[in-house]
Amino acid sequence: MALKVGDLTEFTADAVLFKYAQSLYGATGQAARRLELAGVPLAQLELAPGATRLVETRGR
């Protein structure tokens, strides 16, 4: 495992972890917009406080 600093969209990764702050800000928002363009509904990315979710993107 490695921690990298930089533009999230510039890295290849098997997994990325986000903190959802009840809105899609910063890197989370950028990733959400890209996933939405690839066909992942935003509703699938939103969470209730304290909840967790795994979203398989299959390379999208």
C-alpha atoms as a PDB file:
ATOM      1  CA  MET A   1       0.000   0.000   0.000  1.00  0.00           C
ATOM      2  CA  ALA A   2       1.215   3.517  -0.779  1.00  0.00           C
ATOM      3  CA  LEU A   3      -0.065   6.953   0.090  1.00  0.00           C
ATOM      4  CA  LYS A   4       0.315   9.404  -2.779  1.00  0.00           C
ATOM      5  CA  VAL A   5      -0.250  13.143  -2.834  1.00  0.00           C
ATOM      6  CA  GLY A   6      -1.375  14.898  -6.000  1.00  0.00           C
ATOM      7  CA  ASP A   7      -4.193  14.987  -8.517  1.00  0.00           C
ATOM      8  CA  LEU A   8      -6.337  11.926  -7.858  1.00  0.00           C
ATOM      9  CA  THR A   9      -7.258  11.669 -11.529  1.00  0.00           C
ATOM     10  CA  GLU A  10      -3.581  11.245 -12.480  1.00  0.00           C
ATOM     11  CA  PHE A  11      -3.054   7.973 -10.558  1.00  0.00           C
ATOM     12  CA  THR A  12      -3.886   4.359 -11.284  1.00  0.00           C
ATOM     13  CA  ALA A  13      -5.214   2.613  -8.188  1.00  0.00           C
ATOM     14  CA  ASP A  14      -6.986  -0.567  -7.147  1.00  0.00           C
ATOM     15  CA  ALA A  15      -8.861   1.287  -4.390  1.00  0.00           C
ATOM     16  CA  VAL A  16      -9.511   4.851  -3.309  1.00  0.00           C
ATOM     17  CA  LEU A  17     -11.043   5.891   0.019  1.00  0.00           C
ATOM     18  CA  PHE A  18     -13.150   9.020   0.429  1.00  0.00           C
ATOM     19  CA  LYS A  19     -14.724  10.811   3.349  1.00  0.00           C
ATOM     20  CA  TYR A  20     -18.229  11.921   2.337  1.00  0.00           C
ATOM     21  CA  ALA A  21     -19.076  15.226   4.058  1.00  0.00           C
ATOM     22  CA  GLN A  22     -22.788  15.199   3.127  1.00  0.00           C
ATOM     23  CA  SER A  23     -21.882  16.829  -0.177  1.00  0.00           C
ATOM     24  CA  LEU A  24     -19.462  16.074  -2.992  1.00  0.00           C
ATOM     25  CA  TYR A  25     -16.539  18.479  -2.392  1.00  0.00           C
ATOM     26  CA  GLY A  26     -12.967  18.533  -3.700  1.00  0.00           C
ATOM     27  CA  ALA A  27     -11.451  15.250  -4.860  1.00  0.00           C
ATOM     28  CA  THR A  28     -14.625  13.395  -3.866  1.00  0.00           C
ATOM     29  CA  GLY A  29     -16.671  15.657  -6.130  1.00  0.00           C
ATOM     30  CA  GLN A  30     -14.230  15.308  -9.018  1.00  0.00           C
ATOM     31  CA  ALA A  31     -14.265  11.526  -8.752  1.00  0.00           C
ATOM     32  CA  ALA A  32     -18.068  11.493  -8.448  1.00  0.00           C
ATOM     33  CA  ARG A  33     -18.471  13.575 -11.607  1.00  0.00           C
ATOM     34  CA  ARG A  34     -16.158  11.255 -13.547  1.00  0.00           C
ATOM     35  CA  LEU A  35     -18.017   8.194 -12.292  1.00  0.00           C
ATOM     36  CA  GLU A  36     -21.347   9.791 -13.194  1.00  0.00           C
ATOM     37  CA  LEU A  37     -20.080  10.400 -16.744  1.00  0.00           C
ATOM     38  CA  ALA A  38     -19.088   6.709 -16.847  1.00  0.00           C
ATOM     39  CA  GLY A  39     -22.626   5.657 -15.888  1.00  0.00           C
ATOM     40  CA  VAL A  40     -22.491   5.378 -12.080  1.00  0.00           C
ATOM     41  CA  PRO A  41     -25.543   7.206 -10.636  1.00  0.00           C
ATOM     42  CA  LEU A  42     -24.695   9.870  -8.041  1.00  0.00           C
ATOM     43  CA  ALA A  43     -27.327   8.348  -5.738  1.00  0.00           C
ATOM     44  CA  GLN A  44     -25.090   5.261  -5.552  1.00  0.00           C
ATOM     45  CA  LEU A  45     -22.276   7.436  -4.141  1.00  0.00           C
ATOM     46  CA  GLU A  46     -24.213   9.362  -1.480  1.00  0.00           C
ATOM     47  CA  LEU A  47     -24.311   8.093   2.113  1.00  0.00           C
ATOM     48  CA  ALA A  48     -26.143   8.664   5.366  1.00  0.00           C
ATOM     49  CA  PRO A  49     -23.970   9.795   8.304  1.00  0.00           C
ATOM     50  CA  GLY A  50     -21.968   6.873   9.706  1.00  0.00           C
ATOM     51  CA  ALA A  51     -22.628   4.629   6.693  1.00  0.00           C
ATOM     52  CA  THR A  52     -20.014   2.976   4.483  1.00  0.00           C
ATOM     53  CA  ARG A  53     -20.242   1.794   0.909  1.00  0.00           C
ATOM     54  CA  LEU A  54     -18.127  -0.057  -1.635  1.00  0.00           C
ATOM     55  CA  VAL A  55     -18.651   1.038  -5.226  1.00  0.00           C
ATOM     56  CA  GLU A  56     -17.194  -1.294  -7.837  1.00  0.00           C
ATOM     57  CA  THR A  57     -16.284   0.721 -10.908  1.00  0.00           C
ATOM     58  CA  ARG A  58     -14.780  -2.052 -13.037  1.00  0.00           C
ATOM     59  CA  GLY A  59     -12.101   0.351 -14.265  1.00  0.00           C
ATOM     60  CA  ARG A  60     -14.408   3.271 -15.077  1.00  0.00           C
END
